[in-house]
Amino acid sequence: MVFFNPGKSDESFWHDVDSFAGAVAEDLALDFRTFHAQRKYYSMIRHLEQMIAQQQLPDYLILVNEKQILPKMLRLLEGQNVYVLVALNDIDVQHQSMLEQPYWQQHLLSSLIPNNYWAGYQAARAMHLASGELAGEVAIISGDKLTPASIQREAGAKHFFQQQPQLELKRVVYADWNEQQGYQQTLMLLRRYPNLKYLWVANDEMAFGSIQASKELGRQAGKDLFIATFNTSERALNLREQGQISALAGGHFATVGWGLAMIKQHSLGEVLAKKVDAPLFMLLEPHSATFQLIKDKNWQQLDFSNLSFDFAHPFGFIQ
């Protein structure tokens, strides 16, 4: 089993993905490895071409539709003796028809996709509640315009803000999941909109840049500027405990681990659902048991061997 990780091995989110999946693989005695694209998306294409040319494809591949790269990878794999599970970002509507081919009806096992729309909406709502439901101006710093998770997460946030007549969404910008770009975009936003009350940021790396920029401009995150963001890095969890991050959603790093457990089921002869729209997100509240579990990252205390799942929870392996 091989996972094509589109991120960098030292990025907080993708490191958590690797760590959790590794714990599942160890517990289930799976032969599992990861290829890191280091955010060079076409390196996934080149690596896949090399595996095919050298006849080194595994029995199972776990792929992510980051930057809409998945259709190109699936075209390369047509006719190969390999099963595919799609995780985190699904194939877009434009390319759904290719999955109707007999080959993919047999070889595409399932798509396991976190509910990013729900997460975007709930993080926005929790941030508003944390302020005491104050009226004010809002800005969104989204990830990118191509990745399905980014599009859906942003759409959920917009929906919440549009429902609140006392909130005014001033601007949506993009920072490509990057701390420095998050910093630059926040400087621009706070200078252009000095009365900005809320900042919804699509991941923790960008939010770190936002917090730094807000400090430099004399704003206090969690007091006169409320920030919502995503992911479960140690830095993000600490900032959530300190109150500088007012709302934090995460848990979807468990998706690839779930995918491995589903592959184990398939290898034992079970038929998988073709698509699982799993929440796989939760709002992370300091001092809760789940918050502490994620902070400790002691995945070995979880029992993955039962292979019965509650898809409503990131760690819902029934024990």
Protein backbone atom coordinates (compact mmCIF):
# COMPACT_ATOMS: atom_id res chain seq x y z
CA MET A 1 0.00 0.00 0.00
CA VAL A 2 1.40 3.38 -1.02
CA PHE A 3 0.08 6.81 -0.10
CA PHE A 4 0.92 9.72 -2.40
CA ASN A 5 1.21 12.59 0.09
CA PRO A 6 0.99 15.90 -1.81
CA GLY A 7 2.44 17.93 1.07
CA LYS A 8 5.83 18.40 2.66
CA SER A 9 6.98 15.83 5.16
CA ASP A 10 7.65 18.54 7.76
CA GLU A 11 4.32 20.40 7.39
CA SER A 12 2.21 20.09 10.51
CA PHE A 13 -0.95 18.79 8.85
CA TRP A 14 0.73 16.31 6.53
CA HIS A 15 3.03 15.14 9.32
CA ASP A 16 -0.07 14.38 11.41
CA VAL A 17 -1.55 12.50 8.44
CA ASP A 18 1.62 10.40 8.19
CA SER A 19 1.86 9.78 11.93
CA PHE A 20 -1.73 8.62 12.34
CA ALA A 21 -1.66 6.46 9.20
CA GLY A 22 1.60 4.89 10.38
CA ALA A 23 0.00 3.92 13.68
CA VAL A 24 -2.94 2.30 11.89
CA ALA A 25 -0.62 0.43 9.51
CA GLU A 26 1.47 -0.88 12.40
CA ASP A 27 -1.57 -2.00 14.38
CA LEU A 28 -3.08 -3.79 11.37
CA ALA A 29 0.27 -5.24 10.20
CA LEU A 30 0.05 -3.54 6.80
CA ASP A 31 2.93 -3.15 4.35
CA PHE A 32 2.62 0.62 3.94
CA ARG A 33 4.83 3.45 2.74
CA THR A 34 4.44 7.10 1.77
CA PHE A 35 5.75 9.12 -1.16
CA HIS A 36 6.01 12.86 -0.38
CA ALA A 37 5.50 15.26 -3.28
CA GLN A 38 6.79 18.21 -1.18
CA ARG A 39 4.01 20.33 -2.73
CA LYS A 40 5.51 19.81 -6.19
CA TYR A 41 2.36 18.28 -7.57
CA TYR A 42 3.72 17.10 -10.89
CA SER A 43 6.35 15.07 -9.05
CA MET A 44 3.44 12.75 -8.22
CA ILE A 45 2.86 12.25 -11.94
CA ARG A 46 6.55 11.60 -12.57
CA HIS A 47 6.80 9.15 -9.65
CA LEU A 48 3.68 7.31 -10.78
CA GLU A 49 5.02 7.08 -14.35
CA GLN A 50 8.25 5.63 -12.97
CA MET A 51 6.42 3.05 -10.86
CA ILE A 52 4.39 1.95 -13.90
CA ALA A 53 7.44 1.78 -16.19
CA GLN A 54 9.38 -0.28 -13.66
CA GLN A 55 6.35 -2.46 -12.85
CA GLN A 56 6.55 -1.45 -9.19
CA LEU A 57 2.93 -0.56 -8.56
CA PRO A 58 1.63 -1.80 -5.19
CA ASP A 59 -1.63 -3.63 -4.64
CA TYR A 60 -3.29 -0.44 -3.37
CA LEU A 61 -2.74 3.30 -3.88
CA ILE A 62 -4.19 6.12 -1.76
CA LEU A 63 -4.42 9.33 -3.82
CA VAL A 64 -5.44 12.95 -3.07
CA ASN A 65 -6.93 15.35 -5.61
CA GLU A 66 -4.68 18.25 -4.62
CA LYS A 67 -4.58 21.04 -7.23
CA GLN A 68 -6.85 18.87 -9.45
CA ILE A 69 -4.01 16.39 -10.13
CA LEU A 70 -6.13 13.26 -9.63
CA PRO A 71 -7.67 12.92 -13.16
CA LYS A 72 -4.17 12.87 -14.69
CA MET A 73 -3.07 10.17 -12.25
CA LEU A 74 -6.16 8.06 -12.91
CA ARG A 75 -5.59 8.21 -16.67
CA LEU A 76 -2.08 6.85 -16.16
CA LEU A 77 -3.44 4.01 -14.03
CA GLU A 78 -6.18 2.83 -16.40
CA GLY A 79 -5.65 -0.84 -17.20
CA GLN A 80 -3.08 -1.38 -14.44
CA ASN A 81 -3.57 -4.08 -11.83
CA VAL A 82 -3.97 -1.77 -8.84
CA TYR A 83 -6.78 -0.66 -6.56
CA VAL A 84 -7.23 3.03 -5.73
CA LEU A 85 -8.75 4.74 -2.71
CA VAL A 86 -9.25 8.52 -2.91
CA ALA A 87 -8.81 10.47 0.33
CA LEU A 88 -9.27 14.06 1.53
CA ASN A 89 -10.06 15.70 -1.85
CA ASP A 90 -12.44 13.99 -4.27
CA ILE A 91 -12.43 14.08 -8.06
CA ASP A 92 -14.34 17.12 -9.34
CA VAL A 93 -17.74 16.98 -11.05
CA GLN A 94 -16.17 17.71 -14.43
CA HIS A 95 -14.28 14.41 -14.37
CA GLN A 96 -16.85 12.19 -12.64
CA SER A 97 -17.83 10.54 -15.93
CA MET A 98 -14.45 8.79 -16.21
CA LEU A 99 -15.31 6.83 -13.07
CA GLU A 100 -18.24 5.20 -14.89
CA GLN A 101 -15.82 3.16 -17.00
CA PRO A 102 -15.85 -0.59 -16.19
CA TYR A 103 -12.20 -0.50 -15.09
CA TRP A 104 -12.81 2.17 -12.43
CA GLN A 105 -16.06 0.57 -11.35
CA GLN A 106 -13.90 -2.36 -10.27
CA HIS A 107 -10.62 -0.68 -9.25
CA LEU A 108 -11.72 2.54 -7.57
CA LEU A 109 -12.58 1.16 -4.14
CA SER A 110 -13.95 4.24 -2.43
CA SER A 111 -13.64 7.97 -1.88
CA LEU A 112 -13.25 8.99 1.77
CA ILE A 113 -13.83 12.73 1.91
CA PRO A 114 -14.07 14.93 5.04
CA ASN A 115 -16.97 17.37 5.14
CA ASN A 116 -15.05 20.59 4.55
CA TYR A 117 -18.24 22.59 3.98
CA TRP A 118 -19.44 21.64 7.46
CA ALA A 119 -16.05 22.48 8.95
CA GLY A 120 -15.89 25.88 7.27
CA TYR A 121 -19.38 26.76 8.47
CA GLN A 122 -18.89 25.51 12.03
CA ALA A 123 -15.52 27.24 12.49
CA ALA A 124 -17.08 30.52 11.36
CA ARG A 125 -20.02 30.01 13.72
CA ALA A 126 -17.77 29.13 16.69
CA MET A 127 -15.61 32.21 16.07
CA HIS A 128 -18.72 34.41 16.07
CA LEU A 129 -19.97 32.82 19.29
CA ALA A 130 -16.55 33.30 20.93
CA SER A 131 -16.83 37.05 20.38
CA GLY A 132 -20.22 37.19 22.10
CA GLU A 133 -21.86 37.46 18.65
CA LEU A 134 -20.59 40.98 18.05
CA ALA A 135 -21.45 42.79 14.84
CA GLY A 136 -18.54 43.62 12.58
CA GLU A 137 -16.54 43.28 9.39
CA VAL A 138 -15.20 39.92 8.23
CA ALA A 139 -12.43 38.79 5.88
CA ILE A 140 -11.59 35.32 4.58
CA ILE A 141 -8.09 34.08 3.84
CA SER A 142 -8.65 30.92 1.82
CA GLY A 143 -6.13 28.35 0.59
CA ASP A 144 -6.36 28.21 -3.20
CA LYS A 145 -8.95 28.31 -5.98
CA LEU A 146 -8.47 24.73 -7.24
CA THR A 147 -8.30 22.25 -4.36
CA PRO A 148 -11.80 20.91 -3.55
CA ALA A 149 -11.22 21.08 0.23
CA SER A 150 -10.33 24.77 -0.07
CA ILE A 151 -13.34 25.56 -2.24
CA GLN A 152 -15.78 23.74 0.04
CA ARG A 153 -14.30 25.04 3.29
CA GLU A 154 -14.55 28.61 2.01
CA ALA A 155 -18.12 28.04 0.79
CA GLY A 156 -19.19 26.88 4.25
CA ALA A 157 -17.75 30.00 5.86
CA LYS A 158 -19.41 32.28 3.29
CA HIS A 159 -22.75 30.61 3.92
CA PHE A 160 -22.55 31.30 7.65
CA PHE A 161 -21.50 34.94 7.19
CA GLN A 162 -24.27 35.54 4.64
CA GLN A 163 -26.82 34.31 7.20
CA GLN A 164 -25.76 36.94 9.74
CA PRO A 165 -27.14 40.41 8.94
CA GLN A 166 -24.83 41.98 11.55
CA LEU A 167 -21.71 40.64 9.79
CA GLU A 168 -20.27 42.19 6.62
CA LEU A 169 -17.92 40.07 4.51
CA LYS A 170 -15.47 42.60 3.07
CA ARG A 171 -12.99 40.49 1.13
CA VAL A 172 -11.87 36.98 0.19
CA VAL A 173 -8.15 36.51 -0.54
CA TYR A 174 -5.87 33.51 -1.06
CA ALA A 175 -2.53 32.67 0.56
CA ASP A 176 -1.75 29.19 -0.85
CA TRP A 177 -1.65 27.56 2.62
CA ASN A 178 1.58 29.46 3.36
CA GLU A 179 2.51 31.34 6.55
CA GLN A 180 4.39 34.16 4.83
CA GLN A 181 1.59 34.74 2.36
CA GLY A 182 -0.91 34.67 5.23
CA TYR A 183 1.18 37.34 6.94
CA GLN A 184 1.26 39.55 3.83
CA GLN A 185 -2.44 39.16 3.11
CA THR A 186 -3.33 40.01 6.70
CA LEU A 187 -1.22 43.17 6.64
CA MET A 188 -3.07 44.22 3.50
CA LEU A 189 -6.50 43.40 4.93
CA LEU A 190 -5.99 45.16 8.28
CA ARG A 191 -4.59 48.27 6.62
CA ARG A 192 -7.46 48.41 4.14
CA TYR A 193 -10.14 47.52 6.70
CA PRO A 194 -8.92 48.91 10.06
CA ASN A 195 -12.25 48.02 11.72
CA LEU A 196 -12.03 44.34 10.78
CA LYS A 197 -13.45 42.23 13.62
CA TYR A 198 -13.22 38.66 12.26
CA LEU A 199 -10.63 36.77 10.25
CA TRP A 200 -11.48 33.29 8.98
CA VAL A 201 -8.30 31.52 7.81
CA ALA A 202 -8.32 28.20 5.93
CA ASN A 203 -5.34 26.59 7.71
CA ASP A 204 -3.09 27.02 10.71
CA GLU A 205 0.07 27.92 8.76
CA MET A 206 -1.64 30.96 7.24
CA ALA A 207 -3.18 31.80 10.61
CA PHE A 208 0.27 31.99 12.22
CA GLY A 209 1.14 34.67 9.70
CA SER A 210 -2.14 36.44 10.44
CA ILE A 211 -1.47 36.53 14.17
CA GLN A 212 2.02 37.93 13.62
CA ALA A 213 0.73 40.63 11.27
CA SER A 214 -2.06 41.58 13.65
CA LYS A 215 0.43 42.01 16.50
CA GLU A 216 2.61 44.27 14.39
CA LEU A 217 -0.40 46.48 13.67
CA GLY A 218 -1.40 46.70 17.32
CA ARG A 219 -4.31 44.27 17.20
CA GLN A 220 -4.91 41.56 19.82
CA ALA A 221 -5.97 38.19 18.48
CA GLY A 222 -8.79 36.83 20.61
CA LYS A 223 -9.69 40.25 22.03
CA ASP A 224 -10.26 42.82 19.28
CA LEU A 225 -9.68 40.46 16.32
CA PHE A 226 -11.27 37.00 16.33
CA ILE A 227 -9.61 34.28 14.29
CA ALA A 228 -10.93 30.89 13.16
CA THR A 229 -8.69 28.30 11.55
CA PHE A 230 -8.02 24.59 10.99
CA ASN A 231 -5.54 21.78 11.76
CA THR A 232 -3.93 20.33 14.84
CA SER A 233 -0.29 21.37 14.95
CA GLU A 234 1.19 21.83 18.40
CA ARG A 235 1.47 25.57 17.73
CA ALA A 236 -2.20 25.85 16.72
CA LEU A 237 -3.35 23.88 19.76
CA ASN A 238 -1.29 26.11 22.07
CA LEU A 239 -2.72 29.26 20.49
CA ARG A 240 -6.22 27.84 20.89
CA GLU A 241 -5.55 27.22 24.59
CA GLN A 242 -4.23 30.77 24.95
CA GLY A 243 -7.30 32.20 23.23
CA GLN A 244 -5.43 33.82 20.35
CA ILE A 245 -7.24 31.38 18.05
CA SER A 246 -10.94 31.68 18.87
CA ALA A 247 -12.14 28.63 16.91
CA LEU A 248 -10.16 25.62 15.73
CA ALA A 249 -11.45 22.71 13.64
CA GLY A 250 -9.46 19.56 12.97
CA GLY A 251 -9.27 15.81 13.03
CA HIS A 252 -9.39 15.19 9.28
CA PHE A 253 -5.72 14.17 9.38
CA ALA A 254 -7.15 10.78 10.40
CA THR A 255 -8.65 10.27 6.93
CA VAL A 256 -5.75 8.32 5.41
CA GLY A 257 -5.61 6.11 8.51
CA TRP A 258 -9.31 5.39 8.06
CA GLY A 259 -8.54 4.62 4.41
CA LEU A 260 -5.93 2.03 5.39
CA ALA A 261 -8.42 0.32 7.68
CA MET A 262 -10.94 0.25 4.81
CA ILE A 263 -8.30 -1.27 2.52
CA LYS A 264 -7.69 -3.94 5.16
CA GLN A 265 -11.40 -4.74 5.03
CA HIS A 266 -11.25 -5.02 1.24
CA SER A 267 -8.26 -7.35 1.43
CA LEU A 268 -10.36 -9.60 3.68
CA GLY A 269 -13.07 -9.79 1.01
CA GLU A 270 -15.49 -7.09 2.15
CA VAL A 271 -17.18 -4.73 -0.31
CA LEU A 272 -16.63 -1.02 0.44
CA ALA A 273 -19.08 1.82 -0.05
CA LYS A 274 -18.15 3.70 -3.22
CA LYS A 275 -18.16 7.03 -1.41
CA VAL A 276 -18.07 7.97 2.25
CA ASP A 277 -18.98 11.58 3.07
CA ALA A 278 -17.54 11.46 6.58
CA PRO A 279 -17.51 14.48 8.90
CA LEU A 280 -13.98 13.63 10.11
CA PHE A 281 -13.78 17.14 11.54
CA MET A 282 -14.63 18.40 14.97
CA LEU A 283 -14.33 21.68 16.83
CA LEU A 284 -11.43 21.37 19.23
CA GLU A 285 -12.15 22.66 22.71
CA PRO A 286 -9.30 23.06 25.23
CA HIS A 287 -9.36 20.74 28.24
CA SER A 288 -11.50 18.12 26.46
CA ALA A 289 -10.34 14.51 26.23
CA THR A 290 -10.08 14.68 22.44
CA PHE A 291 -8.06 17.89 22.59
CA GLN A 292 -5.57 16.22 24.93
CA LEU A 293 -5.43 13.07 22.77
CA ILE A 294 -4.55 15.15 19.72
CA LYS A 295 -2.04 17.21 21.67
CA ASP A 296 -0.28 14.09 22.99
CA LYS A 297 -0.49 12.32 19.61
CA ASN A 298 -0.28 9.01 21.42
CA TRP A 299 -2.08 7.04 18.72
CA GLN A 300 -0.81 3.74 20.09
CA GLN A 301 -3.50 3.93 22.78
CA LEU A 302 -6.18 3.55 20.09
CA ASP A 303 -7.29 0.09 18.98
CA PHE A 304 -7.71 -0.17 15.21
CA SER A 305 -8.05 -3.94 15.04
CA ASN A 306 -11.84 -4.20 15.27
CA LEU A 307 -12.41 -2.73 11.77
CA SER A 308 -15.81 -1.38 12.76
CA PHE A 309 -16.14 2.36 12.31
CA ASP A 310 -18.21 5.30 13.44
CA PHE A 311 -17.58 7.71 10.58
CA ALA A 312 -19.08 10.59 12.54
CA HIS A 313 -15.91 11.03 14.59
CA PRO A 314 -12.25 11.37 13.49
CA PHE A 315 -11.22 8.73 16.03
CA GLY A 316 -14.39 6.65 15.87
CA PHE A 317 -12.78 3.24 15.57
CA ILE A 318 -15.15 1.24 17.74
CA GLN A 319 -13.08 -0.41 20.46
